[in-house]
Amino acid sequence: MATNPDLESKVIQRFIVKSKQDRYIQFVNSSNNRKKFIANLAHFRDLEASVFELVSGIEEEVVRQALAQQGIATRTCYVISENSQIDARVLDISEAMRETVGHQMGTMLVFGDADALYYESETMKIRYISKPR
């Protein structure tokens, strides 16, 4: 699959701690090094905590509600994932959630132009959704 380094760079600029941004942007802009960024997703500790909240409840409902509250009208998302079957693909939100929730693979679902982000860790029940900006 063809990656989207511009969108991935926006994700990093908006949702990752400042101290790691330059390094990760270099990774996603290199087809050889992108895998280093992907490898970190399993136990990703570099999310900017202040812009996220823990997902509690039915994940897809929480995501759709957050998107509605943020005024993001989309039916699809771009996927950044350890799961090579869905990585770098644009999927319907329902399909992306089915392929992400509970699969224990680090995954980011990017909505709009990096307007919102859902993150799922490899660790059970570690799921975050970005807060409205």
N, C-alpha and C. Protein backbone atom coordinates (compact mmCIF):
# COMPACT_ATOMS: atom_id res chain seq x y z
N MET A 1 0.83 -1.19 0.00
CA MET A 1 0.00 0.00 0.00
C MET A 1 0.88 1.25 0.00
N ALA A 2 0.43 2.25 -0.68
CA ALA A 2 1.14 3.53 -0.68
C ALA A 2 0.81 4.28 0.60
N THR A 3 1.83 4.74 1.27
CA THR A 3 1.62 5.49 2.51
C THR A 3 1.29 6.94 2.17
N ASN A 4 0.88 7.67 3.19
CA ASN A 4 0.56 9.09 3.03
C ASN A 4 1.44 9.87 4.01
N PRO A 5 2.71 10.12 3.64
CA PRO A 5 3.63 10.77 4.57
C PRO A 5 3.18 12.17 5.01
N ASP A 6 2.48 12.90 4.14
CA ASP A 6 2.00 14.23 4.54
C ASP A 6 1.00 14.13 5.68
N LEU A 7 0.04 13.23 5.55
CA LEU A 7 -0.96 13.05 6.60
C LEU A 7 -0.31 12.49 7.87
N GLU A 8 0.59 11.54 7.71
CA GLU A 8 1.27 10.96 8.86
C GLU A 8 2.10 12.02 9.59
N SER A 9 2.71 12.93 8.85
CA SER A 9 3.47 14.02 9.47
C SER A 9 2.54 14.94 10.26
N LYS A 10 1.36 15.22 9.72
CA LYS A 10 0.38 16.04 10.45
C LYS A 10 -0.04 15.36 11.74
N VAL A 11 -0.25 14.05 11.69
CA VAL A 11 -0.59 13.30 12.90
C VAL A 11 0.49 13.50 13.96
N ILE A 12 1.72 13.37 13.54
CA ILE A 12 2.84 13.51 14.47
C ILE A 12 2.89 14.92 15.04
N GLN A 13 2.71 15.93 14.21
CA GLN A 13 2.75 17.31 14.68
C GLN A 13 1.62 17.64 15.64
N ARG A 14 0.46 17.03 15.45
CA ARG A 14 -0.71 17.38 16.26
C ARG A 14 -0.87 16.52 17.51
N PHE A 15 -0.36 15.29 17.48
CA PHE A 15 -0.71 14.36 18.55
C PHE A 15 0.47 13.72 19.29
N ILE A 16 1.69 14.03 18.89
CA ILE A 16 2.87 13.41 19.48
C ILE A 16 3.66 14.47 20.27
N VAL A 17 4.30 14.05 21.35
CA VAL A 17 5.09 14.99 22.16
C VAL A 17 6.15 15.66 21.29
N LYS A 18 6.35 16.93 21.57
CA LYS A 18 7.25 17.74 20.75
C LYS A 18 8.66 17.16 20.64
N SER A 19 9.16 16.60 21.71
CA SER A 19 10.54 16.10 21.72
C SER A 19 10.78 14.94 20.74
N LYS A 20 9.72 14.29 20.29
CA LYS A 20 9.86 13.15 19.37
C LYS A 20 9.42 13.46 17.94
N GLN A 21 8.85 14.64 17.73
CA GLN A 21 8.25 14.94 16.44
C GLN A 21 9.24 14.88 15.27
N ASP A 22 10.37 15.55 15.38
CA ASP A 22 11.31 15.58 14.25
C ASP A 22 11.76 14.18 13.87
N ARG A 23 12.09 13.39 14.86
CA ARG A 23 12.55 12.01 14.60
C ARG A 23 11.47 11.19 13.89
N TYR A 24 10.25 11.24 14.42
CA TYR A 24 9.17 10.46 13.82
C TYR A 24 8.81 10.95 12.42
N ILE A 25 8.85 12.26 12.21
CA ILE A 25 8.57 12.79 10.87
C ILE A 25 9.62 12.29 9.88
N GLN A 26 10.87 12.23 10.29
CA GLN A 26 11.91 11.66 9.42
C GLN A 26 11.58 10.20 9.10
N PHE A 27 11.14 9.46 10.10
CA PHE A 27 10.80 8.05 9.88
C PHE A 27 9.70 7.89 8.84
N VAL A 28 8.59 8.62 8.99
CA VAL A 28 7.45 8.41 8.09
C VAL A 28 7.70 8.95 6.69
N ASN A 29 8.69 9.80 6.55
CA ASN A 29 9.03 10.32 5.23
C ASN A 29 10.06 9.46 4.50
N SER A 30 10.42 8.35 5.09
CA SER A 30 11.36 7.41 4.47
C SER A 30 10.73 6.03 4.44
N SER A 31 10.57 5.48 3.26
CA SER A 31 9.96 4.15 3.17
C SER A 31 10.79 3.10 3.91
N ASN A 32 12.09 3.31 4.00
CA ASN A 32 12.94 2.37 4.73
C ASN A 32 12.82 2.50 6.24
N ASN A 33 12.55 3.71 6.72
CA ASN A 33 12.51 3.94 8.17
C ASN A 33 11.12 4.00 8.77
N ARG A 34 10.09 4.05 7.94
CA ARG A 34 8.72 4.12 8.47
C ARG A 34 8.45 2.97 9.43
N LYS A 35 9.01 1.82 9.15
CA LYS A 35 8.80 0.64 10.00
C LYS A 35 9.26 0.89 11.43
N LYS A 36 10.22 1.79 11.64
CA LYS A 36 10.67 2.12 13.00
C LYS A 36 9.55 2.84 13.77
N PHE A 37 8.84 3.72 13.08
CA PHE A 37 7.70 4.40 13.71
C PHE A 37 6.61 3.38 14.02
N ILE A 38 6.29 2.53 13.05
CA ILE A 38 5.25 1.51 13.22
C ILE A 38 5.60 0.58 14.39
N ALA A 39 6.86 0.21 14.52
CA ALA A 39 7.27 -0.71 15.59
C ALA A 39 7.01 -0.12 16.98
N ASN A 40 6.99 1.19 17.08
CA ASN A 40 6.73 1.84 18.37
C ASN A 40 5.26 1.85 18.77
N LEU A 41 4.36 1.55 17.85
CA LEU A 41 2.93 1.68 18.12
C LEU A 41 2.41 0.71 19.18
N ALA A 42 3.04 -0.44 19.34
CA ALA A 42 2.54 -1.45 20.27
C ALA A 42 2.39 -0.88 21.68
N HIS A 43 3.40 -0.20 22.15
CA HIS A 43 3.39 0.38 23.50
C HIS A 43 3.79 1.85 23.40
N PHE A 44 3.05 2.59 22.61
CA PHE A 44 3.40 3.96 22.28
C PHE A 44 3.28 4.86 23.50
N ARG A 45 4.38 5.48 23.87
CA ARG A 45 4.40 6.34 25.05
C ARG A 45 4.58 7.81 24.69
N ASP A 46 4.49 8.10 23.43
CA ASP A 46 4.81 9.45 22.98
C ASP A 46 3.60 10.27 22.54
N LEU A 47 2.40 9.81 22.88
CA LEU A 47 1.22 10.62 22.61
C LEU A 47 1.25 11.84 23.52
N GLU A 48 0.78 12.96 23.03
CA GLU A 48 0.66 14.17 23.85
C GLU A 48 -0.57 13.98 24.74
N ALA A 49 -0.34 13.56 25.98
CA ALA A 49 -1.43 13.15 26.89
C ALA A 49 -2.51 14.20 27.05
N SER A 50 -2.15 15.46 27.00
CA SER A 50 -3.13 16.53 27.24
C SER A 50 -4.20 16.62 26.16
N VAL A 51 -3.99 16.01 25.01
CA VAL A 51 -4.98 16.12 23.94
C VAL A 51 -5.79 14.83 23.75
N PHE A 52 -5.67 13.90 24.70
CA PHE A 52 -6.38 12.62 24.60
C PHE A 52 -7.18 12.33 25.85
N GLU A 53 -8.19 11.50 25.66
CA GLU A 53 -8.93 10.96 26.80
C GLU A 53 -9.11 9.47 26.58
N LEU A 54 -9.18 8.74 27.68
CA LEU A 54 -9.34 7.30 27.64
C LEU A 54 -10.72 6.95 27.09
N VAL A 55 -10.78 5.97 26.23
CA VAL A 55 -12.06 5.51 25.67
C VAL A 55 -12.69 4.55 26.66
N SER A 56 -13.90 4.87 27.08
CA SER A 56 -14.65 3.94 27.93
C SER A 56 -16.03 3.79 27.30
N GLY A 57 -16.44 2.57 27.14
CA GLY A 57 -17.71 2.31 26.47
C GLY A 57 -17.47 1.57 25.17
N ILE A 58 -18.49 1.50 24.37
CA ILE A 58 -18.39 0.82 23.08
C ILE A 58 -17.58 1.70 22.14
N GLU A 59 -16.44 1.18 21.73
CA GLU A 59 -15.44 1.98 21.04
C GLU A 59 -15.98 2.72 19.82
N GLU A 60 -16.68 2.03 18.94
CA GLU A 60 -17.16 2.69 17.72
C GLU A 60 -18.14 3.80 18.06
N GLU A 61 -18.99 3.59 19.04
CA GLU A 61 -19.93 4.64 19.45
C GLU A 61 -19.18 5.85 20.00
N VAL A 62 -18.15 5.60 20.81
CA VAL A 62 -17.35 6.69 21.37
C VAL A 62 -16.68 7.48 20.25
N VAL A 63 -16.12 6.77 19.28
CA VAL A 63 -15.45 7.43 18.15
C VAL A 63 -16.45 8.27 17.36
N ARG A 64 -17.57 7.69 17.01
CA ARG A 64 -18.56 8.43 16.21
C ARG A 64 -19.10 9.65 16.96
N GLN A 65 -19.31 9.50 18.26
CA GLN A 65 -19.77 10.62 19.07
C GLN A 65 -18.71 11.72 19.11
N ALA A 66 -17.46 11.35 19.28
CA ALA A 66 -16.37 12.33 19.31
C ALA A 66 -16.27 13.06 17.97
N LEU A 67 -16.40 12.33 16.88
CA LEU A 67 -16.33 12.97 15.55
C LEU A 67 -17.48 13.95 15.38
N ALA A 68 -18.68 13.56 15.80
CA ALA A 68 -19.84 14.45 15.69
C ALA A 68 -19.64 15.71 16.54
N GLN A 69 -19.15 15.53 17.76
CA GLN A 69 -18.91 16.68 18.64
C GLN A 69 -17.86 17.62 18.07
N GLN A 70 -16.91 17.07 17.33
CA GLN A 70 -15.84 17.88 16.75
C GLN A 70 -16.20 18.41 15.36
N GLY A 71 -17.40 18.07 14.88
CA GLY A 71 -17.83 18.54 13.57
C GLY A 71 -17.09 17.91 12.41
N ILE A 72 -16.62 16.68 12.61
CA ILE A 72 -15.89 15.98 11.57
C ILE A 72 -16.84 15.02 10.88
N ALA A 73 -17.22 15.36 9.66
CA ALA A 73 -18.17 14.54 8.91
C ALA A 73 -17.39 13.64 7.96
N THR A 74 -17.16 12.42 8.38
CA THR A 74 -16.42 11.48 7.54
C THR A 74 -16.93 10.07 7.80
N ARG A 75 -16.83 9.25 6.80
CA ARG A 75 -17.21 7.84 6.94
C ARG A 75 -15.98 6.94 6.88
N THR A 76 -14.83 7.55 6.64
CA THR A 76 -13.61 6.77 6.46
C THR A 76 -12.50 7.30 7.37
N CYS A 77 -11.45 6.50 7.46
CA CYS A 77 -10.26 6.92 8.21
C CYS A 77 -9.04 6.31 7.55
N TYR A 78 -7.92 6.95 7.77
CA TYR A 78 -6.63 6.44 7.31
C TYR A 78 -6.02 5.67 8.46
N VAL A 79 -5.43 4.52 8.18
CA VAL A 79 -4.93 3.64 9.22
C VAL A 79 -3.40 3.61 9.23
N ILE A 80 -2.84 3.76 10.43
CA ILE A 80 -1.41 3.56 10.67
C ILE A 80 -1.34 2.43 11.68
N SER A 81 -0.76 1.29 11.30
CA SER A 81 -0.89 0.12 12.17
C SER A 81 0.26 -0.87 12.03
N GLU A 82 0.49 -1.59 13.12
CA GLU A 82 1.38 -2.76 13.08
C GLU A 82 0.78 -3.85 12.21
N ASN A 83 -0.53 -3.85 12.08
CA ASN A 83 -1.23 -4.86 11.28
C ASN A 83 -1.06 -4.51 9.80
N SER A 84 -0.21 -5.23 9.12
CA SER A 84 0.09 -4.92 7.72
C SER A 84 -1.12 -5.07 6.80
N GLN A 85 -2.13 -5.79 7.25
CA GLN A 85 -3.34 -5.97 6.43
C GLN A 85 -4.14 -4.68 6.30
N ILE A 86 -4.01 -3.80 7.29
CA ILE A 86 -4.78 -2.56 7.25
C ILE A 86 -3.91 -1.30 7.21
N ASP A 87 -2.62 -1.44 7.46
CA ASP A 87 -1.72 -0.28 7.49
C ASP A 87 -1.73 0.47 6.17
N ALA A 88 -1.77 1.79 6.27
CA ALA A 88 -1.71 2.70 5.11
C ALA A 88 -2.92 2.58 4.20
N ARG A 89 -4.02 2.09 4.74
CA ARG A 89 -5.25 1.99 3.95
C ARG A 89 -6.27 3.00 4.44
N VAL A 90 -7.17 3.38 3.56
CA VAL A 90 -8.33 4.18 3.93
C VAL A 90 -9.49 3.20 4.02
N LEU A 91 -10.10 3.13 5.21
CA LEU A 91 -11.17 2.18 5.46
C LEU A 91 -12.41 2.88 5.97
N ASP A 92 -13.55 2.26 5.75
CA ASP A 92 -14.79 2.67 6.38
C ASP A 92 -14.57 2.58 7.90
N ILE A 93 -15.13 3.50 8.65
CA ILE A 93 -14.90 3.52 10.10
C ILE A 93 -15.29 2.19 10.74
N SER A 94 -16.43 1.64 10.37
CA SER A 94 -16.86 0.38 10.98
C SER A 94 -15.87 -0.74 10.71
N GLU A 95 -15.39 -0.83 9.48
CA GLU A 95 -14.41 -1.86 9.14
C GLU A 95 -13.10 -1.64 9.91
N ALA A 96 -12.66 -0.40 9.97
CA ALA A 96 -11.42 -0.09 10.69
C ALA A 96 -11.54 -0.46 12.17
N MET A 97 -12.68 -0.17 12.77
CA MET A 97 -12.88 -0.52 14.18
C MET A 97 -12.89 -2.04 14.36
N ARG A 98 -13.56 -2.75 13.47
CA ARG A 98 -13.59 -4.23 13.56
C ARG A 98 -12.19 -4.81 13.45
N GLU A 99 -11.36 -4.23 12.61
CA GLU A 99 -10.02 -4.74 12.38
C GLU A 99 -9.01 -4.26 13.42
N THR A 100 -9.44 -3.36 14.30
CA THR A 100 -8.53 -2.77 15.28
C THR A 100 -8.84 -3.20 16.72
N VAL A 101 -10.08 -3.02 17.14
CA VAL A 101 -10.45 -3.25 18.54
C VAL A 101 -10.24 -4.72 18.92
N GLY A 102 -9.44 -4.91 19.96
CA GLY A 102 -9.20 -6.25 20.49
C GLY A 102 -8.18 -7.08 19.74
N HIS A 103 -7.58 -6.54 18.70
CA HIS A 103 -6.60 -7.31 17.92
C HIS A 103 -5.20 -7.25 18.51
N GLN A 104 -5.03 -6.44 19.54
CA GLN A 104 -3.76 -6.31 20.26
C GLN A 104 -2.58 -5.97 19.34
N MET A 105 -2.83 -5.01 18.47
CA MET A 105 -1.78 -4.47 17.61
C MET A 105 -1.88 -2.95 17.67
N GLY A 106 -0.75 -2.30 17.88
CA GLY A 106 -0.76 -0.85 17.95
C GLY A 106 -1.28 -0.24 16.66
N THR A 107 -2.32 0.60 16.80
CA THR A 107 -2.98 1.16 15.62
C THR A 107 -3.46 2.58 15.89
N MET A 108 -3.33 3.43 14.89
CA MET A 108 -3.90 4.77 14.90
C MET A 108 -4.90 4.87 13.76
N LEU A 109 -6.07 5.39 14.06
CA LEU A 109 -7.07 5.69 13.04
C LEU A 109 -7.13 7.21 12.93
N VAL A 110 -6.88 7.71 11.74
CA VAL A 110 -6.78 9.14 11.50
C VAL A 110 -8.04 9.60 10.77
N PHE A 111 -8.72 10.59 11.36
CA PHE A 111 -9.98 11.08 10.79
C PHE A 111 -9.78 12.47 10.19
N GLY A 112 -10.34 12.66 9.00
CA GLY A 112 -10.19 13.94 8.32
C GLY A 112 -8.73 14.19 7.98
N ASP A 113 -8.36 15.44 8.03
CA ASP A 113 -6.98 15.85 7.74
C ASP A 113 -6.18 15.88 9.05
N ALA A 114 -6.15 14.73 9.73
CA ALA A 114 -5.55 14.62 11.08
C ALA A 114 -6.30 15.53 12.06
N ASP A 115 -7.61 15.62 11.86
CA ASP A 115 -8.45 16.43 12.75
C ASP A 115 -8.74 15.70 14.06
N ALA A 116 -8.77 14.38 14.01
CA ALA A 116 -9.02 13.57 15.20
C ALA A 116 -8.25 12.27 15.04
N LEU A 117 -7.97 11.64 16.19
CA LEU A 117 -7.18 10.42 16.18
C LEU A 117 -7.69 9.45 17.24
N TYR A 118 -7.80 8.19 16.85
CA TYR A 118 -8.08 7.10 17.79
C TYR A 118 -6.82 6.25 17.85
N TYR A 119 -6.40 5.91 19.06
CA TYR A 119 -5.22 5.06 19.23
C TYR A 119 -5.57 3.85 20.07
N GLU A 120 -5.14 2.69 19.60
CA GLU A 120 -5.30 1.45 20.36
C GLU A 120 -3.93 0.81 20.54
N SER A 121 -3.62 0.50 21.79
CA SER A 121 -2.36 -0.14 22.13
C SER A 121 -2.46 -1.65 21.96
N GLU A 122 -1.33 -2.30 21.98
CA GLU A 122 -1.28 -3.75 21.99
C GLU A 122 -1.85 -4.29 23.31
N THR A 123 -1.72 -3.49 24.36
CA THR A 123 -2.21 -3.87 25.68
C THR A 123 -3.73 -3.76 25.73
N MET A 124 -4.37 -4.75 26.28
CA MET A 124 -5.84 -4.76 26.35
C MET A 124 -6.38 -3.49 27.01
N LYS A 125 -7.39 -2.94 26.40
CA LYS A 125 -8.16 -1.81 26.93
C LYS A 125 -7.37 -0.52 27.09
N ILE A 126 -6.29 -0.38 26.36
CA ILE A 126 -5.58 0.91 26.32
C ILE A 126 -5.96 1.56 25.00
N ARG A 127 -6.98 2.41 25.09
CA ARG A 127 -7.54 3.05 23.90
C ARG A 127 -7.79 4.53 24.20
N TYR A 128 -7.41 5.38 23.26
CA TYR A 128 -7.58 6.82 23.45
C TYR A 128 -8.23 7.44 22.22
N ILE A 129 -8.96 8.52 22.47
CA ILE A 129 -9.52 9.34 21.39
C ILE A 129 -9.07 10.78 21.66
N SER A 130 -8.74 11.49 20.61
CA SER A 130 -8.32 12.88 20.80
C SER A 130 -9.50 13.73 21.23
N LYS A 131 -9.18 14.72 22.05
CA LYS A 131 -10.19 15.68 22.53
C LYS A 131 -10.41 16.72 21.44
N PRO A 132 -11.56 17.40 21.49
CA PRO A 132 -11.77 18.51 20.54
C PRO A 132 -10.67 19.56 20.70
N ARG A 133 -10.27 20.16 19.59
CA ARG A 133 -9.22 21.18 19.65
C ARG A 133 -9.82 22.52 19.95
